[in-house]
PDB file of N, CA and C in Angstrom:
ATOM      1  N   MET A   1      71.807-109.562-202.681  1.00  0.00           N
ATOM      2  CA  MET A   1      72.366-109.825-201.362  1.00  0.00           C
ATOM      3  C   MET A   1      73.074-108.618-200.841  1.00  0.00           C
ATOM      4  N   ASN A   2      73.358-107.626-201.634  1.00  0.00           N
ATOM      5  CA  ASN A   2      74.047-106.407-201.179  1.00  0.00           C
ATOM      6  C   ASN A   2      75.512-106.614-200.742  1.00  0.00           C
ATOM      7  N   ILE A   3      76.242-107.529-201.353  1.00  0.00           N
ATOM      8  CA  ILE A   3      77.624-107.918-201.002  1.00  0.00           C
ATOM      9  C   ILE A   3      78.519-107.063-201.804  1.00  0.00           C
ATOM     10  N   ASP A   4      79.349-106.244-201.101  1.00  0.00           N
ATOM     11  CA  ASP A   4      80.318-105.434-201.781  1.00  0.00           C
ATOM     12  C   ASP A   4      81.353-106.169-202.439  1.00  0.00           C
ATOM     13  N   SER A   5      81.610-105.842-203.734  1.00  0.00           N
ATOM     14  CA  SER A   5      82.603-106.714-204.483  1.00  0.00           C
ATOM     15  C   SER A   5      83.337-105.915-205.524  1.00  0.00           C
ATOM     16  N   GLN A   6      84.278-106.475-205.996  1.00  0.00           N
ATOM     17  CA  GLN A   6      85.014-105.889-207.198  1.00  0.00           C
ATOM     18  C   GLN A   6      85.185-107.054-208.106  1.00  0.00           C
ATOM     19  N   ASN A   7      85.033-106.717-209.403  1.00  0.00           N
ATOM     20  CA  ASN A   7      85.120-107.691-210.455  1.00  0.00           C
ATOM     21  C   ASN A   7      84.388-108.952-210.250  1.00  0.00           C
ATOM     22  N   ARG A   8      83.069-108.872-209.957  1.00  0.00           N
ATOM     23  CA  ARG A   8      82.304-110.127-209.882  1.00  0.00           C
ATOM     24  C   ARG A   8      82.506-110.919-208.716  1.00  0.00           C
ATOM     25  N   GLY A   9      83.265-110.509-207.673  1.00  0.00           N
ATOM     26  CA  GLY A   9      83.539-111.309-206.410  1.00  0.00           C
ATOM     27  C   GLY A   9      82.324-111.487-205.597  1.00  0.00           C
ATOM     28  N   GLY A  10      81.382-110.532-205.606  1.00  0.00           N
ATOM     29  CA  GLY A  10      80.079-110.642-204.881  1.00  0.00           C
ATOM     30  C   GLY A  10      79.172-111.683-205.378  1.00  0.00           C
ATOM     31  N   GLY A  11      79.197-111.852-206.728  1.00  0.00           N
ATOM     32  CA  GLY A  11      78.386-112.848-207.260  1.00  0.00           C
ATOM     33  C   GLY A  11      78.873-114.201-206.899  1.00  0.00           C
ATOM     34  N   PHE A  12      80.197-114.489-206.799  1.00  0.00           N
ATOM     35  CA  PHE A  12      80.684-115.726-206.447  1.00  0.00           C
ATOM     36  C   PHE A  12      80.402-115.968-204.945  1.00  0.00           C
ATOM     37  N   ILE A  13      80.479-115.007-204.130  1.00  0.00           N
ATOM     38  CA  ILE A  13      80.228-115.243-202.737  1.00  0.00           C
ATOM     39  C   ILE A  13      78.684-115.512-202.590  1.00  0.00           C
ATOM     40  N   ALA A  14      77.869-114.698-203.204  1.00  0.00           N
ATOM     41  CA  ALA A  14      76.388-114.948-203.056  1.00  0.00           C
ATOM     42  C   ALA A  14      76.016-116.277-203.590  1.00  0.00           C
ATOM     43  N   LYS A  15      76.610-116.800-204.693  1.00  0.00           N
ATOM     44  CA  LYS A  15      76.375-118.164-205.206  1.00  0.00           C
ATOM     45  C   LYS A  15      76.832-119.273-204.199  1.00  0.00           C
ATOM     46  N   SER A  16      77.942-119.037-203.656  1.00  0.00           N
ATOM     47  CA  SER A  16      78.438-120.060-202.538  1.00  0.00           C
ATOM     48  C   SER A  16      77.410-120.140-201.386  1.00  0.00           C
ATOM     49  N   ILE A  17      76.898-118.768-200.900  1.00  0.00           N
ATOM     50  CA  ILE A  17      76.040-118.806-199.741  1.00  0.00           C
ATOM     51  C   ILE A  17      74.775-119.614-200.194  1.00  0.00           C
ATOM     52  N   LEU A  18      74.189-119.319-201.456  1.00  0.00           N
ATOM     53  CA  LEU A  18      73.072-119.941-201.870  1.00  0.00           C
ATOM     54  C   LEU A  18      73.260-121.539-202.000  1.00  0.00           C
ATOM     55  N   ASN A  19      74.369-121.915-202.559  1.00  0.00           N
ATOM     56  CA  ASN A  19      74.687-123.186-202.704  1.00  0.00           C
ATOM     57  C   ASN A  19      74.766-124.077-201.386  1.00  0.00           C
ATOM     58  N   SER A  20      75.303-123.323-200.332  1.00  0.00           N
ATOM     59  CA  SER A  20      75.333-123.963-198.995  1.00  0.00           C
ATOM     60  C   SER A  20      73.924-124.199-198.463  1.00  0.00           C
ATOM     61  N   TYR A  21      72.939-123.464-198.868  1.00  0.00           N
ATOM     62  CA  TYR A  21      71.688-123.573-198.375  1.00  0.00           C
ATOM     63  C   TYR A  21      70.925-124.560-199.209  1.00  0.00           C
ATOM     64  N   GLY A  22      71.406-125.118-200.297  1.00  0.00           N
ATOM     65  CA  GLY A  22      70.854-126.063-201.181  1.00  0.00           C
ATOM     66  C   GLY A  22      70.169-125.383-202.347  1.00  0.00           C
ATOM     67  N   VAL A  23      70.301-124.117-202.547  1.00  0.00           N
ATOM     68  CA  VAL A  23      69.800-123.434-203.760  1.00  0.00           C
ATOM     69  C   VAL A  23      70.779-123.635-204.839  1.00  0.00           C
ATOM     70  N   LEU A  24      70.334-124.380-206.027  1.00  0.00           N
ATOM     71  CA  LEU A  24      71.197-124.695-207.002  1.00  0.00           C
ATOM     72  C   LEU A  24      71.002-123.858-208.346  1.00  0.00           C
ATOM     73  N   ALA A  25      71.726-123.931-209.284  1.00  0.00           N
ATOM     74  CA  ALA A  25      71.735-123.209-210.514  1.00  0.00           C
ATOM     75  C   ALA A  25      70.456-123.367-211.129  1.00  0.00           C
ATOM     76  N   GLU A  26      69.714-124.674-211.067  1.00  0.00           N
ATOM     77  CA  GLU A  26      68.402-124.825-211.660  1.00  0.00           C
ATOM     78  C   GLU A  26      67.384-123.888-211.057  1.00  0.00           C
ATOM     79  N   HIS A  27      67.589-123.331-209.888  1.00  0.00           N
ATOM     80  CA  HIS A  27      66.719-122.377-209.274  1.00  0.00           C
ATOM     81  C   HIS A  27      66.840-120.983-209.576  1.00  0.00           C
ATOM     82  N   LYS A  28      67.946-120.666-210.232  1.00  0.00           N
ATOM     83  CA  LYS A  28      68.356-119.353-210.504  1.00  0.00           C
ATOM     84  C   LYS A  28      67.288-118.582-211.397  1.00  0.00           C
ATOM     85  N   LYS A  29      66.728-119.138-212.449  1.00  0.00           N
ATOM     86  CA  LYS A  29      65.714-118.469-213.248  1.00  0.00           C
ATOM     87  C   LYS A  29      64.476-118.164-212.373  1.00  0.00           C
ATOM     88  N   ILE A  30      64.158-119.016-211.468  1.00  0.00           N
ATOM     89  CA  ILE A  30      62.973-118.698-210.604  1.00  0.00           C
ATOM     90  C   ILE A  30      63.380-117.502-209.656  1.00  0.00           C
ATOM     91  N   ILE A  31      64.516-117.463-209.246  1.00  0.00           N
ATOM     92  CA  ILE A  31      64.821-116.374-208.191  1.00  0.00           C
ATOM     93  C   ILE A  31      64.967-114.957-209.025  1.00  0.00           C
ATOM     94  N   ASN A  32      65.518-115.052-210.223  1.00  0.00           N
ATOM     95  CA  ASN A  32      65.668-113.810-211.096  1.00  0.00           C
ATOM     96  C   ASN A  32      64.309-113.099-211.371  1.00  0.00           C
ATOM     97  N   ASP A  33      63.265-113.949-211.619  1.00  0.00           N
ATOM     98  CA  ASP A  33      62.093-113.357-212.207  1.00  0.00           C
ATOM     99  C   ASP A  33      60.996-112.879-211.181  1.00  0.00           C
ATOM    100  N   PHE A  34      61.159-113.131-209.858  1.00  0.00           N
ATOM    101  CA  PHE A  34      60.153-112.750-208.957  1.00  0.00           C
ATOM    102  C   PHE A  34      60.734-112.164-207.719  1.00  0.00           C
ATOM    103  N   ASN A  35      59.841-111.471-206.847  1.00  0.00           N
ATOM    104  CA  ASN A  35      60.330-111.202-205.557  1.00  0.00           C
ATOM    105  C   ASN A  35      60.234-112.269-204.502  1.00  0.00           C
ATOM    106  N   ILE A  36      60.895-112.139-203.456  1.00  0.00           N
ATOM    107  CA  ILE A  36      60.991-113.344-202.489  1.00  0.00           C
ATOM    108  C   ILE A  36      59.773-113.877-202.068  1.00  0.00           C
ATOM    109  N   ASN A  37      58.677-112.982-201.789  1.00  0.00           N
ATOM    110  CA  ASN A  37      57.363-113.476-201.433  1.00  0.00           C
ATOM    111  C   ASN A  37      56.749-114.372-202.546  1.00  0.00           C
ATOM    112  N   GLN A  38      56.969-113.914-203.619  1.00  0.00           N
ATOM    113  CA  GLN A  38      56.348-114.796-204.765  1.00  0.00           C
ATOM    114  C   GLN A  38      57.114-116.202-204.986  1.00  0.00           C
ATOM    115  N   ILE A  39      58.365-116.022-204.795  1.00  0.00           N
ATOM    116  CA  ILE A  39      59.190-117.225-204.911  1.00  0.00           C
ATOM    117  C   ILE A  39      58.843-118.317-203.839  1.00  0.00           C
ATOM    118  N   ILE A  40      58.638-117.675-202.611  1.00  0.00           N
ATOM    119  CA  ILE A  40      58.339-118.674-201.455  1.00  0.00           C
ATOM    120  C   ILE A  40      57.039-119.210-201.705  1.00  0.00           C
ATOM    121  N   GLU A  41      56.010-118.414-202.068  1.00  0.00           N
ATOM    122  CA  GLU A  41      54.650-119.012-202.333  1.00  0.00           C
ATOM    123  C   GLU A  41      54.587-120.062-203.493  1.00  0.00           C
ATOM    124  N   ASN A  42      55.575-120.039-204.491  1.00  0.00           N
ATOM    125  CA  ASN A  42      55.473-120.974-205.443  1.00  0.00           C
ATOM    126  C   ASN A  42      56.557-122.078-205.502  1.00  0.00           C
ATOM    127  N   SER A  43      57.218-122.163-204.298  1.00  0.00           N
ATOM    128  CA  SER A  43      58.199-123.146-204.098  1.00  0.00           C
ATOM    129  C   SER A  43      57.842-124.221-203.090  1.00  0.00           C
ATOM    130  N   ASN A  44      58.678-125.266-203.025  1.00  0.00           N
ATOM    131  CA  ASN A  44      58.454-126.310-202.121  1.00  0.00           C
ATOM    132  C   ASN A  44      59.811-126.910-201.706  1.00  0.00           C
ATOM    133  N   GLY A  45      59.708-127.760-200.654  1.00  0.00           N
ATOM    134  CA  GLY A  45      61.018-128.419-200.217  1.00  0.00           C
ATOM    135  C   GLY A  45      62.107-127.647-199.711  1.00  0.00           C
ATOM    136  N   VAL A  46      63.282-127.979-200.022  1.00  0.00           N
ATOM    137  CA  VAL A  46      64.564-127.241-199.572  1.00  0.00           C
ATOM    138  C   VAL A  46      64.560-125.814-200.054  1.00  0.00           C
ATOM    139  N   LEU A  47      64.191-125.642-201.238  1.00  0.00           N
ATOM    140  CA  LEU A  47      64.183-124.196-201.804  1.00  0.00           C
ATOM    141  C   LEU A  47      63.195-123.352-200.856  1.00  0.00           C
ATOM    142  N   LYS A  48      62.084-123.751-200.583  1.00  0.00           N
ATOM    143  CA  LYS A  48      61.132-123.068-199.766  1.00  0.00           C
ATOM    144  C   LYS A  48      61.673-122.737-198.486  1.00  0.00           C
ATOM    145  N   GLU A  49      62.109-123.814-197.820  1.00  0.00           N
ATOM    146  CA  GLU A  49      62.687-123.695-196.437  1.00  0.00           C
ATOM    147  C   GLU A  49      63.795-122.688-196.439  1.00  0.00           C
ATOM    148  N   THR A  50      64.739-122.827-197.441  1.00  0.00           N
ATOM    149  CA  THR A  50      65.941-121.885-197.548  1.00  0.00           C
ATOM    150  C   THR A  50      65.529-120.438-197.672  1.00  0.00           C
ATOM    151  N   LEU A  51      64.563-120.188-198.552  1.00  0.00           N
ATOM    152  CA  LEU A  51      64.204-118.821-198.842  1.00  0.00           C
ATOM    153  C   LEU A  51      63.485-118.174-197.570  1.00  0.00           C
ATOM    154  N   ILE A  52      62.675-119.024-196.940  1.00  0.00           N
ATOM    155  CA  ILE A  52      62.105-118.460-195.586  1.00  0.00           C
ATOM    156  C   ILE A  52      63.089-118.146-194.631  1.00  0.00           C
ATOM    157  N   ALA A  53      64.120-119.024-194.551  1.00  0.00           N
ATOM    158  CA  ALA A  53      65.249-118.738-193.520  1.00  0.00           C
ATOM    159  C   ALA A  53      65.947-117.490-193.986  1.00  0.00           C
ATOM    160  N   LEU A  54      66.294-117.382-195.230  1.00  0.00           N
ATOM    161  CA  LEU A  54      67.040-116.175-195.705  1.00  0.00           C
ATOM    162  C   LEU A  54      66.262-114.877-195.487  1.00  0.00           C
ATOM    163  N   LYS A  55      64.856-114.945-195.815  1.00  0.00           N
ATOM    164  CA  LYS A  55      63.973-113.754-195.674  1.00  0.00           C
ATOM    165  C   LYS A  55      64.009-113.293-194.248  1.00  0.00           C
ATOM    166  N   LEU A  56      63.977-114.280-193.260  1.00  0.00           N
ATOM    167  CA  LEU A  56      63.947-113.916-191.881  1.00  0.00           C
ATOM    168  C   LEU A  56      65.223-113.321-191.436  1.00  0.00           C
ATOM    169  N   LYS A  57      66.347-113.689-192.004  1.00  0.00           N
ATOM    170  CA  LYS A  57      67.613-113.142-191.617  1.00  0.00           C
ATOM    171  C   LYS A  57      67.747-111.712-192.266  1.00  0.00           C
ATOM    172  N   LEU A  58      67.109-111.474-193.417  1.00  0.00           N
ATOM    173  CA  LEU A  58      67.208-110.114-194.000  1.00  0.00           C
ATOM    174  C   LEU A  58      66.396-109.104-193.364  1.00  0.00           C
ATOM    175  N   ILE A  59      65.367-109.479-192.602  1.00  0.00           N
ATOM    176  CA  ILE A  59      64.362-108.484-192.092  1.00  0.00           C
ATOM    177  C   ILE A  59      64.973-107.792-190.995  1.00  0.00           C
TER     178      ILE A  59
END
């Protein structure tokens, strides 16, 4: 997410953002292994909707 941080602070902020969109720890392994287009293609429900929204914000 390109969040500047010191001492793991960015990871905490990124996780808080993802959690607020409904992306939970159980989704982490999915997110780490693929690029966003692959994840969207293979997801459904809240995760898919959230990733599409995040992708549109990042473009």
